[in-house]
Amino acid sequence: MKPLFVAASLALGLCGCAESPPVVQILSGKVPTDTCELEDDAPSRASGSLNLAYSQNYVLGLYVNSSYSNTPLDVNGVPLDPSPTTGGQGTAIVEAVELSYDTTPNARIPDQTIAYTASLNPGSEQNELVLSLLSQEAAEALLDAVAPGGETVEVAVTIKLTGRFVAGSGKFESNEYVYTFRAFNQDLGIPVCAPGTSSDRVAPCGSSGGQDGAYPTCI
């Protein structure tokens, strides 16, 4: 019986199939500058922090690859898609960002699907997408869970892009990418801005502060 068992095991192994990687892949994340740019020499990040006393929004930049490309077609020698490497029928259109949350302790943040518009050229690498990890509903749930001066909540956000291809009716889902940040609520005593002056925009994409230790001199 033992040789038969081994043979059966080998036969089952031959039936296994390796799952193909998604054609749209999130590779890494970076925190944008105050002007919403992703700097080449800035390190990639897997985690951050958010002080809810000053901001209820965490902004993250993603590097995304698309391996999708279409087969060029022509009619009587005239190409229907003359520039297949830039735009054209091989373009992948991002239509939504799906966000799910795992929190410790449990903050009961509901999953979110956020409308998002971006295009990825066929066979393209290092596409830059910038998004918020907290919708208004998610931010309100987090605020309810993190009292001023209270316990910190660790938030792990799973990010997935969904959309369609320009060619045909095919749809895609990207891989899942996980980013974490520590949420807390602490008043740092930043003074009110003097009359005639405004808060300096020091946080990503021109926000006023609270993300990853960036704070204005006045608010």
N, C-alpha and C. Protein backbone atom coordinates (compact mmCIF):
# COMPACT_ATOMS: atom_id res chain seq x y z
N MET A 1 0.82 -1.22 0.00
CA MET A 1 0.00 0.00 0.00
C MET A 1 0.85 1.26 0.00
N LYS A 2 2.03 1.21 0.61
CA LYS A 2 2.84 2.41 0.72
C LYS A 2 3.26 2.96 -0.64
N PRO A 3 3.74 2.11 -1.60
CA PRO A 3 4.06 2.65 -2.93
C PRO A 3 2.87 3.28 -3.62
N LEU A 4 1.67 2.74 -3.42
CA LEU A 4 0.48 3.32 -4.03
C LEU A 4 0.20 4.70 -3.45
N PHE A 5 0.41 4.84 -2.16
CA PHE A 5 0.19 6.12 -1.50
C PHE A 5 1.13 7.19 -2.06
N VAL A 6 2.40 6.83 -2.23
CA VAL A 6 3.38 7.77 -2.79
C VAL A 6 2.99 8.15 -4.21
N ALA A 7 2.59 7.16 -5.00
CA ALA A 7 2.21 7.42 -6.38
C ALA A 7 1.02 8.36 -6.45
N ALA A 8 0.04 8.15 -5.56
CA ALA A 8 -1.14 9.02 -5.54
C ALA A 8 -0.75 10.44 -5.18
N SER A 9 0.20 10.58 -4.22
CA SER A 9 0.64 11.91 -3.82
C SER A 9 1.31 12.63 -4.97
N LEU A 10 2.14 11.92 -5.71
CA LEU A 10 2.82 12.53 -6.85
C LEU A 10 1.82 12.94 -7.93
N ALA A 11 0.81 12.09 -8.14
CA ALA A 11 -0.19 12.42 -9.14
C ALA A 11 -0.96 13.67 -8.77
N LEU A 12 -1.27 13.83 -7.50
CA LEU A 12 -1.96 15.04 -7.05
C LEU A 12 -1.09 16.25 -7.23
N GLY A 13 0.21 16.09 -6.99
CA GLY A 13 1.13 17.22 -7.15
C GLY A 13 1.19 17.69 -8.58
N LEU A 14 1.08 16.79 -9.53
CA LEU A 14 1.13 17.17 -10.93
C LEU A 14 -0.09 17.98 -11.34
N CYS A 15 -1.17 17.89 -10.58
CA CYS A 15 -2.39 18.61 -10.92
C CYS A 15 -2.39 20.04 -10.38
N GLY A 16 -1.45 20.37 -9.47
CA GLY A 16 -1.43 21.69 -8.89
C GLY A 16 -1.02 22.74 -9.91
N CYS A 17 -1.62 23.91 -9.85
CA CYS A 17 -1.32 24.99 -10.79
C CYS A 17 -0.88 26.22 -10.00
N ALA A 18 0.18 26.86 -10.46
CA ALA A 18 0.63 28.11 -9.83
C ALA A 18 -0.29 29.24 -10.27
N GLU A 19 -0.75 30.03 -9.32
CA GLU A 19 -1.66 31.12 -9.64
C GLU A 19 -0.89 32.25 -10.30
N SER A 20 -1.43 32.78 -11.40
CA SER A 20 -0.76 33.86 -12.12
C SER A 20 -0.85 35.15 -11.31
N PRO A 21 0.21 35.96 -11.31
CA PRO A 21 0.15 37.23 -10.60
C PRO A 21 -0.81 38.18 -11.30
N PRO A 22 -1.43 39.10 -10.58
CA PRO A 22 -2.35 40.05 -11.21
C PRO A 22 -1.60 40.95 -12.19
N VAL A 23 -2.28 41.39 -13.22
CA VAL A 23 -1.63 42.23 -14.22
C VAL A 23 -1.39 43.64 -13.69
N VAL A 24 -2.15 44.06 -12.70
CA VAL A 24 -1.92 45.36 -12.04
C VAL A 24 -1.44 45.07 -10.63
N GLN A 25 -0.24 45.54 -10.31
CA GLN A 25 0.38 45.22 -9.03
C GLN A 25 0.82 46.48 -8.29
N ILE A 26 0.40 46.58 -7.02
CA ILE A 26 0.90 47.63 -6.13
C ILE A 26 2.23 47.14 -5.59
N LEU A 27 3.29 47.92 -5.80
CA LEU A 27 4.62 47.48 -5.43
C LEU A 27 5.06 48.01 -4.07
N SER A 28 4.86 49.30 -3.82
CA SER A 28 5.36 49.90 -2.59
C SER A 28 4.63 51.21 -2.32
N GLY A 29 4.83 51.75 -1.12
CA GLY A 29 4.19 52.99 -0.74
C GLY A 29 5.20 54.01 -0.26
N LYS A 30 4.93 55.29 -0.54
CA LYS A 30 5.73 56.41 -0.05
C LYS A 30 4.80 57.50 0.43
N VAL A 31 5.28 58.27 1.39
CA VAL A 31 4.51 59.42 1.85
C VAL A 31 4.82 60.61 0.93
N PRO A 32 3.81 61.24 0.34
CA PRO A 32 4.06 62.36 -0.57
C PRO A 32 4.60 63.58 0.18
N THR A 33 5.20 64.50 -0.58
CA THR A 33 5.66 65.76 -0.03
C THR A 33 4.47 66.69 0.19
N ASP A 34 4.73 67.89 0.71
CA ASP A 34 3.65 68.85 0.92
C ASP A 34 3.05 69.32 -0.40
N THR A 35 3.79 69.14 -1.51
CA THR A 35 3.26 69.48 -2.83
C THR A 35 2.70 68.26 -3.56
N CYS A 36 2.53 67.16 -2.85
CA CYS A 36 1.89 65.94 -3.36
C CYS A 36 2.76 65.19 -4.37
N GLU A 37 4.08 65.29 -4.26
CA GLU A 37 4.99 64.57 -5.14
C GLU A 37 5.61 63.39 -4.40
N LEU A 38 5.98 62.35 -5.17
CA LEU A 38 6.71 61.21 -4.62
C LEU A 38 8.17 61.36 -5.04
N GLU A 39 9.03 61.65 -4.08
CA GLU A 39 10.43 61.91 -4.40
C GLU A 39 11.18 60.60 -4.62
N ASP A 40 12.00 60.56 -5.67
CA ASP A 40 12.73 59.34 -6.02
C ASP A 40 13.67 58.89 -4.90
N ASP A 41 14.30 59.84 -4.20
CA ASP A 41 15.28 59.48 -3.18
C ASP A 41 14.65 59.28 -1.80
N ALA A 42 13.33 59.47 -1.69
CA ALA A 42 12.67 59.23 -0.40
C ALA A 42 12.49 57.73 -0.20
N PRO A 43 12.67 57.24 1.03
CA PRO A 43 12.54 55.80 1.25
C PRO A 43 11.09 55.34 1.17
N SER A 44 10.91 54.10 0.73
CA SER A 44 9.57 53.50 0.79
C SER A 44 9.22 53.26 2.25
N ARG A 45 7.92 53.28 2.55
CA ARG A 45 7.49 53.13 3.94
C ARG A 45 6.42 52.06 4.03
N ALA A 46 6.39 51.41 5.19
CA ALA A 46 5.37 50.40 5.46
C ALA A 46 4.48 50.82 6.62
N SER A 47 4.83 51.91 7.31
CA SER A 47 4.03 52.32 8.47
C SER A 47 4.22 53.81 8.73
N GLY A 48 3.32 54.37 9.51
CA GLY A 48 3.39 55.79 9.85
C GLY A 48 2.59 56.08 11.11
N SER A 49 2.24 57.36 11.31
CA SER A 49 1.47 57.76 12.49
C SER A 49 0.52 58.89 12.11
N LEU A 50 -0.54 59.02 12.89
CA LEU A 50 -1.54 60.06 12.64
C LEU A 50 -2.07 60.57 13.97
N ASN A 51 -1.89 61.87 14.20
CA ASN A 51 -2.44 62.51 15.39
C ASN A 51 -3.80 63.08 15.03
N LEU A 52 -4.85 62.43 15.54
CA LEU A 52 -6.21 62.81 15.17
C LEU A 52 -6.63 64.16 15.73
N ALA A 53 -5.86 64.70 16.66
CA ALA A 53 -6.17 66.03 17.18
C ALA A 53 -5.95 67.10 16.11
N TYR A 54 -5.16 66.79 15.08
CA TYR A 54 -4.82 67.78 14.05
C TYR A 54 -5.21 67.35 12.64
N SER A 55 -5.45 66.08 12.42
CA SER A 55 -5.85 65.63 11.09
C SER A 55 -6.59 64.31 11.19
N GLN A 56 -7.57 64.13 10.33
CA GLN A 56 -8.30 62.86 10.25
C GLN A 56 -8.13 62.25 8.86
N ASN A 57 -6.94 62.46 8.31
CA ASN A 57 -6.68 61.98 6.96
C ASN A 57 -5.23 61.50 6.87
N TYR A 58 -5.03 60.30 6.33
CA TYR A 58 -3.67 59.82 6.10
C TYR A 58 -3.49 59.65 4.59
N VAL A 59 -2.50 60.38 4.04
CA VAL A 59 -2.26 60.39 2.60
C VAL A 59 -1.06 59.50 2.28
N LEU A 60 -1.23 58.64 1.28
CA LEU A 60 -0.17 57.71 0.90
C LEU A 60 -0.04 57.68 -0.62
N GLY A 61 1.20 57.60 -1.09
CA GLY A 61 1.47 57.42 -2.51
C GLY A 61 1.83 55.97 -2.80
N LEU A 62 1.38 55.46 -3.93
CA LEU A 62 1.64 54.08 -4.32
C LEU A 62 2.38 54.04 -5.65
N TYR A 63 3.31 53.10 -5.75
CA TYR A 63 3.93 52.78 -7.04
C TYR A 63 3.22 51.54 -7.58
N VAL A 64 2.75 51.64 -8.82
CA VAL A 64 1.91 50.59 -9.40
C VAL A 64 2.44 50.22 -10.79
N ASN A 65 2.53 48.92 -11.05
CA ASN A 65 2.91 48.41 -12.37
C ASN A 65 1.69 47.81 -13.08
N SER A 66 1.68 47.91 -14.40
CA SER A 66 0.67 47.23 -15.21
C SER A 66 1.39 46.41 -16.27
N SER A 67 1.18 45.11 -16.27
CA SER A 67 1.82 44.24 -17.26
C SER A 67 0.90 43.96 -18.45
N TYR A 68 -0.27 44.59 -18.45
CA TYR A 68 -1.23 44.32 -19.52
C TYR A 68 -0.84 45.03 -20.81
N SER A 69 -0.96 44.34 -21.93
CA SER A 69 -0.76 44.95 -23.25
C SER A 69 -1.64 44.22 -24.24
N ASN A 70 -2.12 44.94 -25.23
CA ASN A 70 -2.98 44.33 -26.24
C ASN A 70 -2.17 44.00 -27.49
N THR A 71 -2.71 43.13 -28.31
CA THR A 71 -2.07 42.78 -29.57
C THR A 71 -2.45 43.82 -30.62
N PRO A 72 -1.46 44.53 -31.19
CA PRO A 72 -1.79 45.57 -32.18
C PRO A 72 -2.53 44.98 -33.38
N LEU A 73 -3.55 45.68 -33.82
CA LEU A 73 -4.34 45.27 -34.98
C LEU A 73 -4.21 46.31 -36.09
N ASP A 74 -4.29 45.86 -37.33
CA ASP A 74 -4.28 46.81 -38.45
C ASP A 74 -5.25 46.35 -39.51
N VAL A 75 -5.68 47.31 -40.29
CA VAL A 75 -6.57 47.04 -41.42
C VAL A 75 -5.88 47.56 -42.67
N ASN A 76 -5.55 46.63 -43.56
CA ASN A 76 -4.85 46.98 -44.80
C ASN A 76 -3.55 47.75 -44.51
N GLY A 77 -2.87 47.29 -43.46
CA GLY A 77 -1.59 47.90 -43.13
C GLY A 77 -1.67 49.16 -42.31
N VAL A 78 -2.88 49.61 -42.00
CA VAL A 78 -3.06 50.83 -41.19
C VAL A 78 -3.37 50.42 -39.76
N PRO A 79 -2.50 50.77 -38.79
CA PRO A 79 -2.74 50.35 -37.40
C PRO A 79 -3.96 51.01 -36.80
N LEU A 80 -4.77 50.20 -36.11
CA LEU A 80 -5.93 50.75 -35.41
C LEU A 80 -5.51 51.41 -34.10
N ASP A 81 -4.40 50.99 -33.56
CA ASP A 81 -3.90 51.52 -32.29
C ASP A 81 -2.46 51.96 -32.51
N PRO A 82 -2.24 53.15 -33.04
CA PRO A 82 -0.91 53.53 -33.51
C PRO A 82 0.14 53.68 -32.43
N SER A 83 -0.24 53.88 -31.21
CA SER A 83 0.75 54.08 -30.13
C SER A 83 0.46 53.14 -28.98
N PRO A 84 0.72 51.83 -29.13
CA PRO A 84 0.30 50.86 -28.12
C PRO A 84 1.05 50.97 -26.79
N THR A 85 2.19 51.67 -26.75
CA THR A 85 2.94 51.77 -25.49
C THR A 85 2.50 52.95 -24.64
N THR A 86 1.74 53.88 -25.21
CA THR A 86 1.26 55.04 -24.47
C THR A 86 -0.21 55.21 -24.74
N GLY A 87 -1.05 54.94 -23.76
CA GLY A 87 -2.48 55.02 -23.96
C GLY A 87 -2.95 53.90 -24.88
N GLY A 88 -4.00 54.18 -25.61
CA GLY A 88 -4.50 53.20 -26.56
C GLY A 88 -5.25 52.07 -25.92
N GLN A 89 -5.44 50.99 -26.69
CA GLN A 89 -6.29 49.89 -26.28
C GLN A 89 -5.71 49.07 -25.13
N GLY A 90 -4.42 49.19 -24.87
CA GLY A 90 -3.80 48.43 -23.77
C GLY A 90 -3.85 49.13 -22.43
N THR A 91 -4.56 50.25 -22.34
CA THR A 91 -4.63 51.02 -21.10
C THR A 91 -5.52 50.33 -20.07
N ALA A 92 -5.09 50.33 -18.83
CA ALA A 92 -5.91 49.85 -17.71
C ALA A 92 -6.45 51.06 -16.96
N ILE A 93 -7.74 51.10 -16.76
CA ILE A 93 -8.39 52.23 -16.09
C ILE A 93 -8.73 51.84 -14.65
N VAL A 94 -8.13 52.51 -13.69
CA VAL A 94 -8.48 52.31 -12.29
C VAL A 94 -9.78 53.06 -12.01
N GLU A 95 -10.76 52.35 -11.45
CA GLU A 95 -12.07 52.95 -11.19
C GLU A 95 -12.40 53.07 -9.71
N ALA A 96 -11.76 52.25 -8.86
CA ALA A 96 -12.09 52.29 -7.44
C ALA A 96 -10.92 51.76 -6.62
N VAL A 97 -10.89 52.20 -5.36
CA VAL A 97 -9.94 51.69 -4.37
C VAL A 97 -10.75 51.02 -3.27
N GLU A 98 -10.47 49.76 -3.01
CA GLU A 98 -11.12 49.04 -1.93
C GLU A 98 -10.22 49.05 -0.70
N LEU A 99 -10.77 49.51 0.42
CA LEU A 99 -10.01 49.63 1.67
C LEU A 99 -10.69 48.80 2.76
N SER A 100 -9.91 47.99 3.45
CA SER A 100 -10.42 47.27 4.62
C SER A 100 -9.46 47.49 5.77
N TYR A 101 -9.98 47.41 6.99
CA TYR A 101 -9.23 47.84 8.16
C TYR A 101 -9.19 46.75 9.23
N ASP A 102 -7.99 46.56 9.76
CA ASP A 102 -7.79 45.67 10.91
C ASP A 102 -7.17 46.51 12.00
N THR A 103 -7.85 46.67 13.12
CA THR A 103 -7.39 47.58 14.16
C THR A 103 -7.19 46.87 15.49
N THR A 104 -6.21 47.36 16.25
CA THR A 104 -5.91 46.84 17.59
C THR A 104 -5.71 48.01 18.55
N PRO A 105 -6.63 48.15 19.57
CA PRO A 105 -7.87 47.38 19.76
C PRO A 105 -8.90 47.67 18.67
N ASN A 106 -9.96 46.91 18.64
CA ASN A 106 -10.93 46.97 17.56
C ASN A 106 -11.67 48.31 17.54
N ALA A 107 -11.49 49.06 16.43
CA ALA A 107 -12.15 50.36 16.28
C ALA A 107 -13.41 50.26 15.43
N ARG A 108 -13.72 49.07 14.92
CA ARG A 108 -14.93 48.82 14.13
C ARG A 108 -15.04 49.80 12.94
N ILE A 109 -13.98 49.91 12.17
CA ILE A 109 -14.00 50.75 10.97
C ILE A 109 -14.58 49.93 9.82
N PRO A 110 -15.66 50.38 9.21
CA PRO A 110 -16.26 49.60 8.12
C PRO A 110 -15.39 49.65 6.87
N ASP A 111 -15.44 48.56 6.09
CA ASP A 111 -14.74 48.54 4.81
C ASP A 111 -15.29 49.63 3.90
N GLN A 112 -14.43 50.14 3.02
CA GLN A 112 -14.81 51.24 2.15
C GLN A 112 -14.44 50.92 0.70
N THR A 113 -15.27 51.38 -0.23
CA THR A 113 -14.94 51.38 -1.65
C THR A 113 -15.01 52.82 -2.13
N ILE A 114 -13.85 53.36 -2.52
CA ILE A 114 -13.74 54.78 -2.87
C ILE A 114 -13.59 54.91 -4.38
N ALA A 115 -14.41 55.76 -4.98
CA ALA A 115 -14.27 56.03 -6.42
C ALA A 115 -12.92 56.69 -6.68
N TYR A 116 -12.24 56.24 -7.71
CA TYR A 116 -10.90 56.74 -8.02
C TYR A 116 -10.70 56.63 -9.53
N THR A 117 -10.07 57.61 -10.14
CA THR A 117 -9.85 57.58 -11.58
C THR A 117 -8.37 57.75 -11.89
N ALA A 118 -7.82 56.78 -12.60
CA ALA A 118 -6.43 56.85 -13.05
C ALA A 118 -6.27 55.92 -14.24
N SER A 119 -5.31 56.19 -15.09
CA SER A 119 -5.04 55.32 -16.23
C SER A 119 -3.60 54.83 -16.16
N LEU A 120 -3.40 53.56 -16.50
CA LEU A 120 -2.09 52.93 -16.49
C LEU A 120 -1.75 52.51 -17.91
N ASN A 121 -0.66 53.04 -18.45
CA ASN A 121 -0.26 52.69 -19.81
C ASN A 121 0.08 51.21 -19.91
N PRO A 122 -0.08 50.62 -21.08
CA PRO A 122 0.25 49.20 -21.23
C PRO A 122 1.71 48.92 -20.95
N GLY A 123 1.96 47.83 -20.22
CA GLY A 123 3.33 47.44 -19.91
C GLY A 123 4.11 48.51 -19.19
N SER A 124 3.48 49.27 -18.29
CA SER A 124 4.14 50.40 -17.64
C SER A 124 4.57 50.06 -16.22
N GLU A 125 5.60 50.75 -15.74
CA GLU A 125 6.15 50.52 -14.40
C GLU A 125 6.21 51.84 -13.63
N GLN A 126 6.16 51.71 -12.31
CA GLN A 126 6.34 52.85 -11.40
C GLN A 126 5.32 53.96 -11.64
N ASN A 127 4.07 53.59 -11.98
CA ASN A 127 3.01 54.59 -12.02
C ASN A 127 2.77 55.10 -10.60
N GLU A 128 2.55 56.40 -10.46
CA GLU A 128 2.39 57.02 -9.15
C GLU A 128 0.92 57.38 -8.91
N LEU A 129 0.33 56.79 -7.87
CA LEU A 129 -1.03 57.09 -7.47
C LEU A 129 -1.01 57.60 -6.03
N VAL A 130 -1.76 58.65 -5.74
CA VAL A 130 -1.85 59.21 -4.40
C VAL A 130 -3.29 59.11 -3.92
N LEU A 131 -3.49 58.63 -2.70
CA LEU A 131 -4.85 58.45 -2.19
C LEU A 131 -4.90 58.65 -0.69
N SER A 132 -6.09 58.85 -0.19
CA SER A 132 -6.34 58.93 1.25
C SER A 132 -6.75 57.56 1.77
N LEU A 133 -6.20 57.18 2.90
CA LEU A 133 -6.53 55.88 3.49
C LEU A 133 -7.77 55.94 4.37
N LEU A 134 -8.34 57.12 4.56
CA LEU A 134 -9.51 57.27 5.43
C LEU A 134 -10.59 58.08 4.72
N SER A 135 -11.73 57.47 4.50
CA SER A 135 -12.90 58.23 4.06
C SER A 135 -13.46 58.96 5.28
N GLN A 136 -14.47 59.80 5.05
CA GLN A 136 -15.09 60.49 6.18
C GLN A 136 -15.69 59.51 7.18
N GLU A 137 -16.35 58.47 6.66
CA GLU A 137 -16.96 57.47 7.53
C GLU A 137 -15.91 56.73 8.35
N ALA A 138 -14.79 56.36 7.70
CA ALA A 138 -13.73 55.66 8.40
C ALA A 138 -13.07 56.55 9.45
N ALA A 139 -12.88 57.83 9.11
CA ALA A 139 -12.27 58.76 10.06
C ALA A 139 -13.15 58.97 11.28
N GLU A 140 -14.46 59.06 11.07
CA GLU A 140 -15.38 59.23 12.20
C GLU A 140 -15.35 58.02 13.13
N ALA A 141 -15.27 56.82 12.54
CA ALA A 141 -15.20 55.61 13.35
C ALA A 141 -13.91 55.58 14.16
N LEU A 142 -12.81 56.02 13.56
CA LEU A 142 -11.53 56.05 14.26
C LEU A 142 -11.53 57.09 15.37
N LEU A 143 -12.13 58.25 15.11
CA LEU A 143 -12.23 59.28 16.15
C LEU A 143 -13.04 58.79 17.34
N ASP A 144 -14.10 58.05 17.08
CA ASP A 144 -14.91 57.51 18.17
C ASP A 144 -14.12 56.54 19.04
N ALA A 145 -13.13 55.88 18.43
CA ALA A 145 -12.36 54.86 19.15
C ALA A 145 -11.14 55.41 19.87
N VAL A 146 -10.68 56.59 19.45
CA VAL A 146 -9.44 57.16 20.02
C VAL A 146 -9.79 58.45 20.75
N ALA A 147 -9.96 58.36 22.04
CA ALA A 147 -10.32 59.53 22.84
C ALA A 147 -9.09 60.43 23.04
N PRO A 148 -9.30 61.74 23.23
CA PRO A 148 -8.18 62.64 23.51
C PRO A 148 -7.37 62.15 24.71
N GLY A 149 -6.08 61.98 24.50
CA GLY A 149 -5.20 61.49 25.56
C GLY A 149 -5.37 60.02 25.87
N GLY A 150 -6.19 59.33 25.08
CA GLY A 150 -6.50 57.94 25.37
C GLY A 150 -5.55 56.96 24.70
N GLU A 151 -6.00 55.74 24.60
CA GLU A 151 -5.18 54.65 24.10
C GLU A 151 -4.94 54.76 22.61
N THR A 152 -3.74 54.42 22.18
CA THR A 152 -3.39 54.41 20.76
C THR A 152 -4.03 53.21 20.07
N VAL A 153 -4.42 53.40 18.82
CA VAL A 153 -4.97 52.32 18.01
C VAL A 153 -4.05 52.05 16.83
N GLU A 154 -3.67 50.81 16.65
CA GLU A 154 -2.87 50.41 15.50
C GLU A 154 -3.81 50.04 14.36
N VAL A 155 -3.62 50.68 13.21
CA VAL A 155 -4.51 50.49 12.07
C VAL A 155 -3.72 49.86 10.92
N ALA A 156 -4.17 48.71 10.45
CA ALA A 156 -3.61 48.06 9.26
C ALA A 156 -4.63 48.19 8.15
N VAL A 157 -4.26 48.88 7.08
CA VAL A 157 -5.17 49.12 5.97
C VAL A 157 -4.78 48.24 4.79
N THR A 158 -5.71 47.42 4.32
CA THR A 158 -5.48 46.61 3.12
C THR A 158 -6.05 47.34 1.92
N ILE A 159 -5.20 47.57 0.92
CA ILE A 159 -5.55 48.39 -0.25
C ILE A 159 -5.61 47.50 -1.49
N LYS A 160 -6.66 47.64 -2.28
CA LYS A 160 -6.75 46.93 -3.55
C LYS A 160 -7.36 47.84 -4.59
N LEU A 161 -6.81 47.84 -5.79
CA LEU A 161 -7.32 48.63 -6.90
C LEU A 161 -8.18 47.76 -7.80
N THR A 162 -9.27 48.30 -8.29
CA THR A 162 -10.12 47.58 -9.24
C THR A 162 -10.41 48.49 -10.42
N GLY A 163 -10.70 47.87 -11.56
CA GLY A 163 -11.01 48.68 -12.74
C GLY A 163 -11.25 47.82 -13.96
N ARG A 164 -11.01 48.40 -15.12
CA ARG A 164 -11.29 47.72 -16.37
C ARG A 164 -10.20 48.06 -17.39
N PHE A 165 -10.17 47.28 -18.46
CA PHE A 165 -9.27 47.53 -19.57
C PHE A 165 -10.00 48.27 -20.67
N VAL A 166 -9.32 49.17 -21.36
CA VAL A 166 -9.94 49.89 -22.47
C VAL A 166 -10.37 48.92 -23.55
N ALA A 167 -9.52 47.93 -23.84
CA ALA A 167 -9.85 46.95 -24.87
C ALA A 167 -10.84 45.93 -24.32
N GLY A 168 -12.00 45.81 -24.96
CA GLY A 168 -12.98 44.81 -24.56
C GLY A 168 -13.68 45.18 -23.26
N SER A 169 -14.22 44.16 -22.62
CA SER A 169 -15.01 44.39 -21.40
C SER A 169 -14.34 43.77 -20.17
N GLY A 170 -13.05 43.43 -20.27
CA GLY A 170 -12.37 42.79 -19.16
C GLY A 170 -12.17 43.71 -17.98
N LYS A 171 -12.20 43.13 -16.79
CA LYS A 171 -11.98 43.87 -15.56
C LYS A 171 -10.75 43.30 -14.84
N PHE A 172 -10.20 44.06 -13.90
CA PHE A 172 -9.04 43.60 -13.16
C PHE A 172 -9.17 43.93 -11.67
N GLU A 173 -8.44 43.18 -10.87
CA GLU A 173 -8.23 43.47 -9.46
C GLU A 173 -6.73 43.37 -9.21
N SER A 174 -6.18 44.32 -8.51
CA SER A 174 -4.76 44.30 -8.19
C SER A 174 -4.49 43.34 -7.03
N ASN A 175 -3.23 43.18 -6.71
CA ASN A 175 -2.88 42.50 -5.47
C ASN A 175 -3.32 43.34 -4.27
N GLU A 176 -3.31 42.75 -3.11
CA GLU A 176 -3.61 43.49 -1.87
C GLU A 176 -2.31 43.98 -1.25
N TYR A 177 -2.32 45.25 -0.89
CA TYR A 177 -1.13 45.88 -0.29
C TYR A 177 -1.53 46.39 1.09
N VAL A 178 -0.73 46.08 2.10
CA VAL A 178 -1.07 46.45 3.48
C VAL A 178 -0.14 47.55 3.98
N TYR A 179 -0.75 48.60 4.52
CA TYR A 179 0.00 49.71 5.12
C TYR A 179 -0.55 49.93 6.53
N THR A 180 0.32 50.19 7.48
CA THR A 180 -0.11 50.38 8.87
C THR A 180 0.24 51.78 9.37
N PHE A 181 -0.57 52.29 10.26
CA PHE A 181 -0.23 53.53 10.95
C PHE A 181 -0.80 53.50 12.37
N ARG A 182 -0.14 54.26 13.22
CA ARG A 182 -0.53 54.34 14.63
C ARG A 182 -1.37 55.61 14.81
N ALA A 183 -2.61 55.44 15.26
CA ALA A 183 -3.52 56.58 15.45
C ALA A 183 -3.59 56.93 16.93
N PHE A 184 -3.41 58.21 17.22
CA PHE A 184 -3.53 58.69 18.60
C PHE A 184 -4.17 60.07 18.59
N ASN A 185 -4.51 60.59 19.74
CA ASN A 185 -5.22 61.87 19.84
C ASN A 185 -4.59 62.68 20.97
N GLN A 186 -3.66 63.57 20.61
CA GLN A 186 -2.91 64.30 21.63
C GLN A 186 -2.78 65.77 21.25
N ASP A 187 -3.25 66.65 22.14
CA ASP A 187 -3.12 68.09 21.95
C ASP A 187 -1.69 68.50 22.31
N LEU A 188 -0.97 69.05 21.37
CA LEU A 188 0.42 69.45 21.59
C LEU A 188 0.57 70.92 21.95
N GLY A 189 -0.53 71.61 22.10
CA GLY A 189 -0.47 73.01 22.50
C GLY A 189 0.04 73.94 21.42
N ILE A 190 -0.18 73.61 20.15
CA ILE A 190 0.25 74.49 19.06
C ILE A 190 -0.59 75.76 19.11
N PRO A 191 0.04 76.92 19.10
CA PRO A 191 -0.72 78.17 19.29
C PRO A 191 -1.57 78.53 18.08
N VAL A 192 -2.55 79.39 18.33
CA VAL A 192 -3.39 79.93 17.26
C VAL A 192 -2.57 80.93 16.46
N CYS A 193 -2.74 80.93 15.14
CA CYS A 193 -2.00 81.86 14.29
C CYS A 193 -2.40 83.31 14.59
N ALA A 194 -1.42 84.18 14.52
CA ALA A 194 -1.68 85.60 14.74
C ALA A 194 -2.57 86.16 13.64
N PRO A 195 -3.31 87.23 13.91
CA PRO A 195 -4.15 87.85 12.88
C PRO A 195 -3.34 88.19 11.63
N GLY A 196 -3.88 87.86 10.49
CA GLY A 196 -3.20 88.15 9.24
C GLY A 196 -2.24 87.06 8.79
N THR A 197 -2.06 86.03 9.61
CA THR A 197 -1.18 84.92 9.22
C THR A 197 -2.01 83.64 9.12
N SER A 198 -1.48 82.66 8.42
CA SER A 198 -2.19 81.39 8.26
C SER A 198 -1.25 80.24 8.58
N SER A 199 -1.85 79.11 8.81
CA SER A 199 -1.09 77.92 9.15
C SER A 199 -0.23 77.49 7.97
N ASP A 200 1.03 77.12 8.22
CA ASP A 200 1.89 76.62 7.15
C ASP A 200 1.53 75.18 6.85
N ARG A 201 1.49 74.85 5.57
CA ARG A 201 1.10 73.53 5.11
C ARG A 201 2.33 72.64 5.04
N VAL A 202 2.52 71.85 6.08
CA VAL A 202 3.76 71.07 6.19
C VAL A 202 3.55 69.58 5.93
N ALA A 203 2.32 69.13 5.94
CA ALA A 203 2.03 67.70 5.81
C ALA A 203 1.78 67.34 4.35
N PRO A 204 1.70 66.06 4.01
CA PRO A 204 1.53 65.64 2.61
C PRO A 204 0.35 66.30 1.91
N CYS A 205 0.61 66.71 0.66
CA CYS A 205 -0.42 67.28 -0.22
C CYS A 205 -1.07 68.54 0.36
N GLY A 206 -0.29 69.32 1.10
CA GLY A 206 -0.76 70.61 1.57
C GLY A 206 -1.67 70.58 2.77
N SER A 207 -1.79 69.46 3.44
CA SER A 207 -2.61 69.43 4.65
C SER A 207 -1.87 70.10 5.80
N SER A 208 -2.60 70.43 6.85
CA SER A 208 -2.06 71.32 7.88
C SER A 208 -1.19 70.63 8.90
N GLY A 209 -1.18 69.31 8.97
CA GLY A 209 -0.31 68.65 9.94
C GLY A 209 -0.99 67.53 10.68
N GLY A 210 -0.19 66.76 11.41
CA GLY A 210 -0.72 65.64 12.17
C GLY A 210 -0.28 64.29 11.65
N GLN A 211 0.18 64.22 10.41
CA GLN A 211 0.63 62.95 9.83
C GLN A 211 2.14 62.81 9.95
N ASP A 212 2.57 61.68 10.49
CA ASP A 212 3.99 61.31 10.55
C ASP A 212 4.86 62.38 11.21
N GLY A 213 4.32 63.00 12.25
CA GLY A 213 5.11 63.93 13.03
C GLY A 213 5.29 65.30 12.41
N ALA A 214 4.57 65.62 11.35
CA ALA A 214 4.68 66.94 10.73
C ALA A 214 3.59 67.84 11.31
N TYR A 215 4.02 68.96 11.92
CA TYR A 215 3.08 69.90 12.54
C TYR A 215 3.40 71.32 12.14
N PRO A 216 2.37 72.17 12.00
CA PRO A 216 2.59 73.58 11.69
C PRO A 216 3.06 74.33 12.94
N THR A 217 3.57 75.53 12.73
CA THR A 217 3.99 76.35 13.87
C THR A 217 2.80 77.01 14.55
N CYS A 218 1.69 77.14 13.81
CA CYS A 218 0.46 77.68 14.41
C CYS A 218 -0.72 77.12 13.64
N ILE A 219 -1.89 77.18 14.26
CA ILE A 219 -3.09 76.68 13.60
C ILE A 219 -4.21 77.72 13.69
